[in-house]
Amino acid sequence: MNGLISCEFNMDTACVELKFANGSMIAIDTIAVENEVADNMYQWSELDYLIYNDPIAYTDLILNGNPEIYLKTITEYKSLD
């Protein structure tokens, strides 16, 4: 992401906002993303962790990655039985 000045989560809008040196801005609606790609509380939790702790990694995952595959891999549920 060339020319990125800032990347942060805005709690008022529930968006991860990216600001670039050329004046452009991208806002990712995190609620819409969660509703679209997360199937369970573990996946929502993983997305929330990235939003609050590493918004750049979250942005990269949403814009350049495949969030469905990532979430299925990282949050694989294994029964304790």
PDB file of N, CA and C in Angstrom:
ATOM      1  N   MET A   1       0.839  -1.163   0.000  1.00  0.00           N
ATOM      2  CA  MET A   1       0.000   0.000   0.000  1.00  0.00           C
ATOM      3  C   MET A   1       0.891   1.234   0.000  1.00  0.00           C
ATOM      4  N   ASN A   2       1.217   1.651  -1.181  1.00  0.00           N
ATOM      5  CA  ASN A   2       2.118   2.784  -1.343  1.00  0.00           C
ATOM      6  C   ASN A   2       1.468   4.084  -0.916  1.00  0.00           C
ATOM      7  N   GLY A   3       2.224   4.895  -0.200  1.00  0.00           N
ATOM      8  CA  GLY A   3       1.749   6.205   0.210  1.00  0.00           C
ATOM      9  C   GLY A   3       0.791   6.190   1.378  1.00  0.00           C
ATOM     10  N   LEU A   4       0.713   5.094   2.100  1.00  0.00           N
ATOM     11  CA  LEU A   4      -0.189   5.004   3.245  1.00  0.00           C
ATOM     12  C   LEU A   4       0.330   5.878   4.383  1.00  0.00           C
ATOM     13  N   ILE A   5      -0.529   6.780   4.855  1.00  0.00           N
ATOM     14  CA  ILE A   5      -0.164   7.665   5.962  1.00  0.00           C
ATOM     15  C   ILE A   5      -0.638   7.081   7.280  1.00  0.00           C
ATOM     16  N   SER A   6      -1.904   6.619   7.312  1.00  0.00           N
ATOM     17  CA  SER A   6      -2.429   6.063   8.559  1.00  0.00           C
ATOM     18  C   SER A   6      -3.455   4.981   8.262  1.00  0.00           C
ATOM     19  N   CYS A   7      -3.593   4.083   9.230  1.00  0.00           N
ATOM     20  CA  CYS A   7      -4.569   3.011   9.173  1.00  0.00           C
ATOM     21  C   CYS A   7      -5.038   2.783  10.595  1.00  0.00           C
ATOM     22  N   GLU A   8      -6.304   3.064  10.856  1.00  0.00           N
ATOM     23  CA  GLU A   8      -6.810   2.900  12.221  1.00  0.00           C
ATOM     24  C   GLU A   8      -8.296   2.592  12.200  1.00  0.00           C
ATOM     25  N   PHE A   9      -8.739   1.999  13.302  1.00  0.00           N
ATOM     26  CA  PHE A   9     -10.155   1.671  13.478  1.00  0.00           C
ATOM     27  C   PHE A   9     -10.870   2.867  14.092  1.00  0.00           C
ATOM     28  N   ASN A  10     -11.953   3.297  13.468  1.00  0.00           N
ATOM     29  CA  ASN A  10     -12.766   4.404  13.967  1.00  0.00           C
ATOM     30  C   ASN A  10     -13.987   3.803  14.654  1.00  0.00           C
ATOM     31  N   MET A  11     -14.046   3.897  15.974  1.00  0.00           N
ATOM     32  CA  MET A  11     -15.148   3.294  16.734  1.00  0.00           C
ATOM     33  C   MET A  11     -16.491   3.977  16.449  1.00  0.00           C
ATOM     34  N   ASP A  12     -16.470   5.249  16.076  1.00  0.00           N
ATOM     35  CA  ASP A  12     -17.712   5.967  15.806  1.00  0.00           C
ATOM     36  C   ASP A  12     -18.415   5.452  14.560  1.00  0.00           C
ATOM     37  N   THR A  13     -17.648   5.054  13.559  1.00  0.00           N
ATOM     38  CA  THR A  13     -18.237   4.582  12.305  1.00  0.00           C
ATOM     39  C   THR A  13     -18.132   3.074  12.121  1.00  0.00           C
ATOM     40  N   ALA A  14     -17.394   2.393  12.994  1.00  0.00           N
ATOM     41  CA  ALA A  14     -17.128   0.953  12.906  1.00  0.00           C
ATOM     42  C   ALA A  14     -16.418   0.611  11.591  1.00  0.00           C
ATOM     43  N   CYS A  15     -15.525   1.504  11.170  1.00  0.00           N
ATOM     44  CA  CYS A  15     -14.768   1.310   9.939  1.00  0.00           C
ATOM     45  C   CYS A  15     -13.278   1.366  10.216  1.00  0.00           C
ATOM     46  N   VAL A  16     -12.530   0.573   9.454  1.00  0.00           N
ATOM     47  CA  VAL A  16     -11.082   0.729   9.421  1.00  0.00           C
ATOM     48  C   VAL A  16     -10.823   1.736   8.308  1.00  0.00           C
ATOM     49  N   GLU A  17     -10.155   2.832   8.673  1.00  0.00           N
ATOM     50  CA  GLU A  17      -9.937   3.921   7.729  1.00  0.00           C
ATOM     51  C   GLU A  17      -8.462   4.007   7.347  1.00  0.00           C
ATOM     52  N   LEU A  18      -8.220   4.067   6.055  1.00  0.00           N
ATOM     53  CA  LEU A  18      -6.865   4.205   5.519  1.00  0.00           C
ATOM     54  C   LEU A  18      -6.764   5.563   4.839  1.00  0.00           C
ATOM     55  N   LYS A  19      -5.722   6.312   5.155  1.00  0.00           N
ATOM     56  CA  LYS A  19      -5.490   7.613   4.534  1.00  0.00           C
ATOM     57  C   LYS A  19      -4.170   7.557   3.794  1.00  0.00           C
ATOM     58  N   PHE A  20      -4.167   8.071   2.557  1.00  0.00           N
ATOM     59  CA  PHE A  20      -3.002   8.012   1.693  1.00  0.00           C
ATOM     60  C   PHE A  20      -2.429   9.401   1.454  1.00  0.00           C
ATOM     61  N   ALA A  21      -1.169   9.453   1.038  1.00  0.00           N
ATOM     62  CA  ALA A  21      -0.458  10.711   0.828  1.00  0.00           C
ATOM     63  C   ALA A  21      -1.100  11.568  -0.262  1.00  0.00           C
ATOM     64  N   ASN A  22      -1.756  10.940  -1.237  1.00  0.00           N
ATOM     65  CA  ASN A  22      -2.372  11.704  -2.323  1.00  0.00           C
ATOM     66  C   ASN A  22      -3.739  12.278  -1.940  1.00  0.00           C
ATOM     67  N   GLY A  23      -4.159  12.087  -0.683  1.00  0.00           N
ATOM     68  CA  GLY A  23      -5.417  12.633  -0.204  1.00  0.00           C
ATOM     69  C   GLY A  23      -6.593  11.671  -0.262  1.00  0.00           C
ATOM     70  N   SER A  24      -6.407  10.521  -0.882  1.00  0.00           N
ATOM     71  CA  SER A  24      -7.510   9.561  -0.963  1.00  0.00           C
ATOM     72  C   SER A  24      -7.666   8.819   0.363  1.00  0.00           C
ATOM     73  N   MET A  25      -8.846   8.263   0.530  1.00  0.00           N
ATOM     74  CA  MET A  25      -9.161   7.554   1.768  1.00  0.00           C
ATOM     75  C   MET A  25     -10.041   6.355   1.441  1.00  0.00           C
ATOM     76  N   ILE A  26      -9.808   5.267   2.160  1.00  0.00           N
ATOM     77  CA  ILE A  26     -10.634   4.065   2.051  1.00  0.00           C
ATOM     78  C   ILE A  26     -11.182   3.772   3.437  1.00  0.00           C
ATOM     79  N   ALA A  27     -12.476   3.485   3.512  1.00  0.00           N
ATOM     80  CA  ALA A  27     -13.099   3.086   4.775  1.00  0.00           C
ATOM     81  C   ALA A  27     -13.727   1.715   4.570  1.00  0.00           C
ATOM     82  N   ILE A  28     -13.323   0.749   5.380  1.00  0.00           N
ATOM     83  CA  ILE A  28     -13.846  -0.617   5.295  1.00  0.00           C
ATOM     84  C   ILE A  28     -14.858  -0.794   6.420  1.00  0.00           C
ATOM     85  N   ASP A  29     -16.101  -1.056   6.059  1.00  0.00           N
ATOM     86  CA  ASP A  29     -17.175  -1.264   7.034  1.00  0.00           C
ATOM     87  C   ASP A  29     -16.997  -2.643   7.654  1.00  0.00           C
ATOM     88  N   THR A  30     -16.508  -2.682   8.880  1.00  0.00           N
ATOM     89  CA  THR A  30     -16.169  -3.956   9.522  1.00  0.00           C
ATOM     90  C   THR A  30     -17.408  -4.791   9.835  1.00  0.00           C
ATOM     91  N   ILE A  31     -18.519  -4.151  10.119  1.00  0.00           N
ATOM     92  CA  ILE A  31     -19.749  -4.895  10.405  1.00  0.00           C
ATOM     93  C   ILE A  31     -20.234  -5.617   9.152  1.00  0.00           C
ATOM     94  N   ALA A  32     -20.193  -4.937   8.020  1.00  0.00           N
ATOM     95  CA  ALA A  32     -20.603  -5.562   6.764  1.00  0.00           C
ATOM     96  C   ALA A  32     -19.687  -6.733   6.408  1.00  0.00           C
ATOM     97  N   VAL A  33     -18.394  -6.565   6.630  1.00  0.00           N
ATOM     98  CA  VAL A  33     -17.446  -7.652   6.352  1.00  0.00           C
ATOM     99  C   VAL A  33     -17.739  -8.850   7.242  1.00  0.00           C
ATOM    100  N   GLU A  34     -17.918  -8.614   8.546  1.00  0.00           N
ATOM    101  CA  GLU A  34     -18.209  -9.716   9.462  1.00  0.00           C
ATOM    102  C   GLU A  34     -19.497 -10.434   9.077  1.00  0.00           C
ATOM    103  N   ASN A  35     -20.520  -9.692   8.708  1.00  0.00           N
ATOM    104  CA  ASN A  35     -21.782 -10.309   8.310  1.00  0.00           C
ATOM    105  C   ASN A  35     -21.636 -11.149   7.045  1.00  0.00           C
ATOM    106  N   GLU A  36     -20.713 -10.753   6.176  1.00  0.00           N
ATOM    107  CA  GLU A  36     -20.534 -11.448   4.911  1.00  0.00           C
ATOM    108  C   GLU A  36     -19.644 -12.685   5.027  1.00  0.00           C
ATOM    109  N   VAL A  37     -18.569 -12.611   5.813  1.00  0.00           N
ATOM    110  CA  VAL A  37     -17.580 -13.699   5.783  1.00  0.00           C
ATOM    111  C   VAL A  37     -17.524 -14.565   7.032  1.00  0.00           C
ATOM    112  N   ALA A  38     -17.978 -14.081   8.176  1.00  0.00           N
ATOM    113  CA  ALA A  38     -17.869 -14.856   9.423  1.00  0.00           C
ATOM    114  C   ALA A  38     -19.118 -15.703   9.648  1.00  0.00           C
ATOM    115  N   ASP A  39     -18.891 -16.971  10.000  1.00  0.00           N
ATOM    116  CA  ASP A  39     -20.004 -17.908  10.204  1.00  0.00           C
ATOM    117  C   ASP A  39     -20.280 -18.209  11.672  1.00  0.00           C
ATOM    118  N   ASN A  40     -19.324 -17.929  12.546  1.00  0.00           N
ATOM    119  CA  ASN A  40     -19.511 -18.272  13.955  1.00  0.00           C
ATOM    120  C   ASN A  40     -18.746 -17.293  14.846  1.00  0.00           C
ATOM    121  N   MET A  41     -18.907 -17.448  16.147  1.00  0.00           N
ATOM    122  CA  MET A  41     -18.302 -16.497  17.088  1.00  0.00           C
ATOM    123  C   MET A  41     -16.783 -16.542  17.064  1.00  0.00           C
ATOM    124  N   TYR A  42     -16.194 -17.665  16.714  1.00  0.00           N
ATOM    125  CA  TYR A  42     -14.741 -17.773  16.661  1.00  0.00           C
ATOM    126  C   TYR A  42     -14.181 -16.937  15.499  1.00  0.00           C
ATOM    127  N   GLN A  43     -14.864 -16.985  14.392  1.00  0.00           N
ATOM    128  CA  GLN A  43     -14.437 -16.178  13.253  1.00  0.00           C
ATOM    129  C   GLN A  43     -14.655 -14.691  13.516  1.00  0.00           C
ATOM    130  N   TRP A  44     -15.768 -14.329  14.132  1.00  0.00           N
ATOM    131  CA  TRP A  44     -15.992 -12.917  14.495  1.00  0.00           C
ATOM    132  C   TRP A  44     -14.907 -12.445  15.449  1.00  0.00           C
ATOM    133  N   SER A  45     -14.561 -13.296  16.401  1.00  0.00           N
ATOM    134  CA  SER A  45     -13.538 -12.956  17.374  1.00  0.00           C
ATOM    135  C   SER A  45     -12.183 -12.735  16.703  1.00  0.00           C
ATOM    136  N   GLU A  46     -11.827 -13.580  15.743  1.00  0.00           N
ATOM    137  CA  GLU A  46     -10.561 -13.431  15.031  1.00  0.00           C
ATOM    138  C   GLU A  46     -10.535 -12.120  14.243  1.00  0.00           C
ATOM    139  N   LEU A  47     -11.625 -11.795  13.574  1.00  0.00           N
ATOM    140  CA  LEU A  47     -11.687 -10.530  12.845  1.00  0.00           C
ATOM    141  C   LEU A  47     -11.601  -9.347  13.801  1.00  0.00           C
ATOM    142  N   ASP A  48     -12.301  -9.429  14.931  1.00  0.00           N
ATOM    143  CA  ASP A  48     -12.243  -8.351  15.925  1.00  0.00           C
ATOM    144  C   ASP A  48     -10.826  -8.165  16.452  1.00  0.00           C
ATOM    145  N   TYR A  49     -10.129  -9.265  16.691  1.00  0.00           N
ATOM    146  CA  TYR A  49      -8.751  -9.171  17.165  1.00  0.00           C
ATOM    147  C   TYR A  49      -7.894  -8.396  16.164  1.00  0.00           C
ATOM    148  N   LEU A  50      -8.026  -8.740  14.887  1.00  0.00           N
ATOM    149  CA  LEU A  50      -7.240  -8.046  13.868  1.00  0.00           C
ATOM    150  C   LEU A  50      -7.633  -6.569  13.773  1.00  0.00           C
ATOM    151  N   ILE A  51      -8.928  -6.285  13.862  1.00  0.00           N
ATOM    152  CA  ILE A  51      -9.392  -4.906  13.762  1.00  0.00           C
ATOM    153  C   ILE A  51      -8.767  -4.050  14.846  1.00  0.00           C
ATOM    154  N   TYR A  52      -8.790  -4.525  16.078  1.00  0.00           N
ATOM    155  CA  TYR A  52      -8.306  -3.724  17.206  1.00  0.00           C
ATOM    156  C   TYR A  52      -6.793  -3.747  17.365  1.00  0.00           C
ATOM    157  N   ASN A  53      -6.136  -4.855  17.018  1.00  0.00           N
ATOM    158  CA  ASN A  53      -4.713  -5.012  17.306  1.00  0.00           C
ATOM    159  C   ASN A  53      -3.795  -4.866  16.098  1.00  0.00           C
ATOM    160  N   ASP A  54      -4.300  -5.141  14.909  1.00  0.00           N
ATOM    161  CA  ASP A  54      -3.466  -5.040  13.711  1.00  0.00           C
ATOM    162  C   ASP A  54      -4.332  -4.648  12.513  1.00  0.00           C
ATOM    163  N   PRO A  55      -4.810  -3.403  12.475  1.00  0.00           N
ATOM    164  CA  PRO A  55      -5.706  -2.995  11.387  1.00  0.00           C
ATOM    165  C   PRO A  55      -5.063  -3.075  10.006  1.00  0.00           C
ATOM    166  N   ILE A  56      -3.737  -2.970   9.918  1.00  0.00           N
ATOM    167  CA  ILE A  56      -3.086  -3.103   8.608  1.00  0.00           C
ATOM    168  C   ILE A  56      -3.199  -4.538   8.100  1.00  0.00           C
ATOM    169  N   ALA A  57      -2.987  -5.520   8.974  1.00  0.00           N
ATOM    170  CA  ALA A  57      -3.144  -6.925   8.579  1.00  0.00           C
ATOM    171  C   ALA A  57      -4.595  -7.216   8.205  1.00  0.00           C
ATOM    172  N   TYR A  58      -5.544  -6.635   8.951  1.00  0.00           N
ATOM    173  CA  TYR A  58      -6.968  -6.802   8.634  1.00  0.00           C
ATOM    174  C   TYR A  58      -7.256  -6.246   7.242  1.00  0.00           C
ATOM    175  N   THR A  59      -6.762  -5.055   6.977  1.00  0.00           N
ATOM    176  CA  THR A  59      -6.985  -4.420   5.678  1.00  0.00           C
ATOM    177  C   THR A  59      -6.380  -5.247   4.560  1.00  0.00           C
ATOM    178  N   ASP A  60      -5.166  -5.736   4.767  1.00  0.00           N
ATOM    179  CA  ASP A  60      -4.516  -6.562   3.755  1.00  0.00           C
ATOM    180  C   ASP A  60      -5.313  -7.833   3.497  1.00  0.00           C
ATOM    181  N   LEU A  61      -5.819  -8.447   4.545  1.00  0.00           N
ATOM    182  CA  LEU A  61      -6.627  -9.659   4.402  1.00  0.00           C
ATOM    183  C   LEU A  61      -7.891  -9.382   3.596  1.00  0.00           C
ATOM    184  N   ILE A  62      -8.578  -8.299   3.896  1.00  0.00           N
ATOM    185  CA  ILE A  62      -9.848  -7.999   3.234  1.00  0.00           C
ATOM    186  C   ILE A  62      -9.629  -7.557   1.785  1.00  0.00           C
ATOM    187  N   LEU A  63      -8.638  -6.704   1.545  1.00  0.00           N
ATOM    188  CA  LEU A  63      -8.437  -6.160   0.201  1.00  0.00           C
ATOM    189  C   LEU A  63      -7.630  -7.077  -0.713  1.00  0.00           C
ATOM    190  N   ASN A  64      -6.694  -7.840  -0.176  1.00  0.00           N
ATOM    191  CA  ASN A  64      -5.786  -8.629  -1.016  1.00  0.00           C
ATOM    192  C   ASN A  64      -5.853 -10.127  -0.788  1.00  0.00           C
ATOM    193  N   GLY A  65      -6.460 -10.549   0.306  1.00  0.00           N
ATOM    194  CA  GLY A  65      -6.465 -11.969   0.641  1.00  0.00           C
ATOM    195  C   GLY A  65      -7.806 -12.616   0.390  1.00  0.00           C
ATOM    196  N   ASN A  66      -7.959 -13.778   0.962  1.00  0.00           N
ATOM    197  CA  ASN A  66      -9.220 -14.502   0.891  1.00  0.00           C
ATOM    198  C   ASN A  66      -9.672 -14.747   2.330  1.00  0.00           C
ATOM    199  N   PRO A  67     -10.507 -13.846   2.882  1.00  0.00           N
ATOM    200  CA  PRO A  67     -10.868 -13.957   4.297  1.00  0.00           C
ATOM    201  C   PRO A  67     -11.602 -15.243   4.654  1.00  0.00           C
ATOM    202  N   GLU A  68     -12.389 -15.789   3.722  1.00  0.00           N
ATOM    203  CA  GLU A  68     -13.114 -17.018   4.031  1.00  0.00           C
ATOM    204  C   GLU A  68     -12.152 -18.173   4.302  1.00  0.00           C
ATOM    205  N   ILE A  69     -11.157 -18.320   3.448  1.00  0.00           N
ATOM    206  CA  ILE A  69     -10.188 -19.404   3.627  1.00  0.00           C
ATOM    207  C   ILE A  69      -9.362 -19.168   4.881  1.00  0.00           C
ATOM    208  N   TYR A  70      -8.928 -17.941   5.107  1.00  0.00           N
ATOM    209  CA  TYR A  70      -8.158 -17.607   6.308  1.00  0.00           C
ATOM    210  C   TYR A  70      -8.950 -17.969   7.554  1.00  0.00           C
ATOM    211  N   LEU A  71     -10.214 -17.567   7.623  1.00  0.00           N
ATOM    212  CA  LEU A  71     -11.022 -17.823   8.822  1.00  0.00           C
ATOM    213  C   LEU A  71     -11.281 -19.305   9.026  1.00  0.00           C
ATOM    214  N   LYS A  72     -11.508 -20.038   7.953  1.00  0.00           N
ATOM    215  CA  LYS A  72     -11.733 -21.480   8.095  1.00  0.00           C
ATOM    216  C   LYS A  72     -10.465 -22.185   8.567  1.00  0.00           C
ATOM    217  N   THR A  73      -9.310 -21.685   8.155  1.00  0.00           N
ATOM    218  CA  THR A  73      -8.038 -22.278   8.552  1.00  0.00           C
ATOM    219  C   THR A  73      -7.679 -21.934   9.989  1.00  0.00           C
ATOM    220  N   ILE A  74      -7.796 -20.683  10.343  1.00  0.00           N
ATOM    221  CA  ILE A  74      -7.336 -20.208  11.649  1.00  0.00           C
ATOM    222  C   ILE A  74      -8.305 -20.569  12.778  1.00  0.00           C
ATOM    223  N   THR A  75      -9.563 -20.745  12.472  1.00  0.00           N
ATOM    224  CA  THR A  75     -10.553 -21.002  13.521  1.00  0.00           C
ATOM    225  C   THR A  75     -11.182 -22.376  13.402  1.00  0.00           C
ATOM    226  N   GLU A  76     -10.419 -23.344  12.972  1.00  0.00           N
ATOM    227  CA  GLU A  76     -10.924 -24.703  12.837  1.00  0.00           C
ATOM    228  C   GLU A  76     -11.379 -25.213  14.200  1.00  0.00           C
ATOM    229  N   TYR A  77     -12.627 -25.611  14.289  1.00  0.00           N
ATOM    230  CA  TYR A  77     -13.211 -26.073  15.540  1.00  0.00           C
ATOM    231  C   TYR A  77     -12.948 -27.560  15.706  1.00  0.00           C
ATOM    232  N   LYS A  78     -12.377 -27.927  16.831  1.00  0.00           N
ATOM    233  CA  LYS A  78     -12.107 -29.337  17.120  1.00  0.00           C
ATOM    234  C   LYS A  78     -12.805 -29.686  18.434  1.00  0.00           C
ATOM    235  N   SER A  79     -13.628 -30.685  18.386  1.00  0.00           N
ATOM    236  CA  SER A  79     -14.362 -31.133  19.563  1.00  0.00           C
ATOM    237  C   SER A  79     -13.411 -31.726  20.607  1.00  0.00           C
ATOM    238  N   LEU A  80     -13.741 -31.519  21.873  1.00  0.00           N
ATOM    239  CA  LEU A  80     -12.924 -32.072  22.945  1.00  0.00           C
ATOM    240  C   LEU A  80     -13.248 -33.541  23.248  1.00  0.00           C
ATOM    241  N   ASP A  81     -14.265 -34.076  22.609  1.00  0.00           N
ATOM    242  CA  ASP A  81     -14.657 -35.463  22.831  1.00  0.00           C
ATOM    243  C   ASP A  81     -13.727 -36.454  22.198  1.00  0.00           C
TER     244      ASP A  81
END
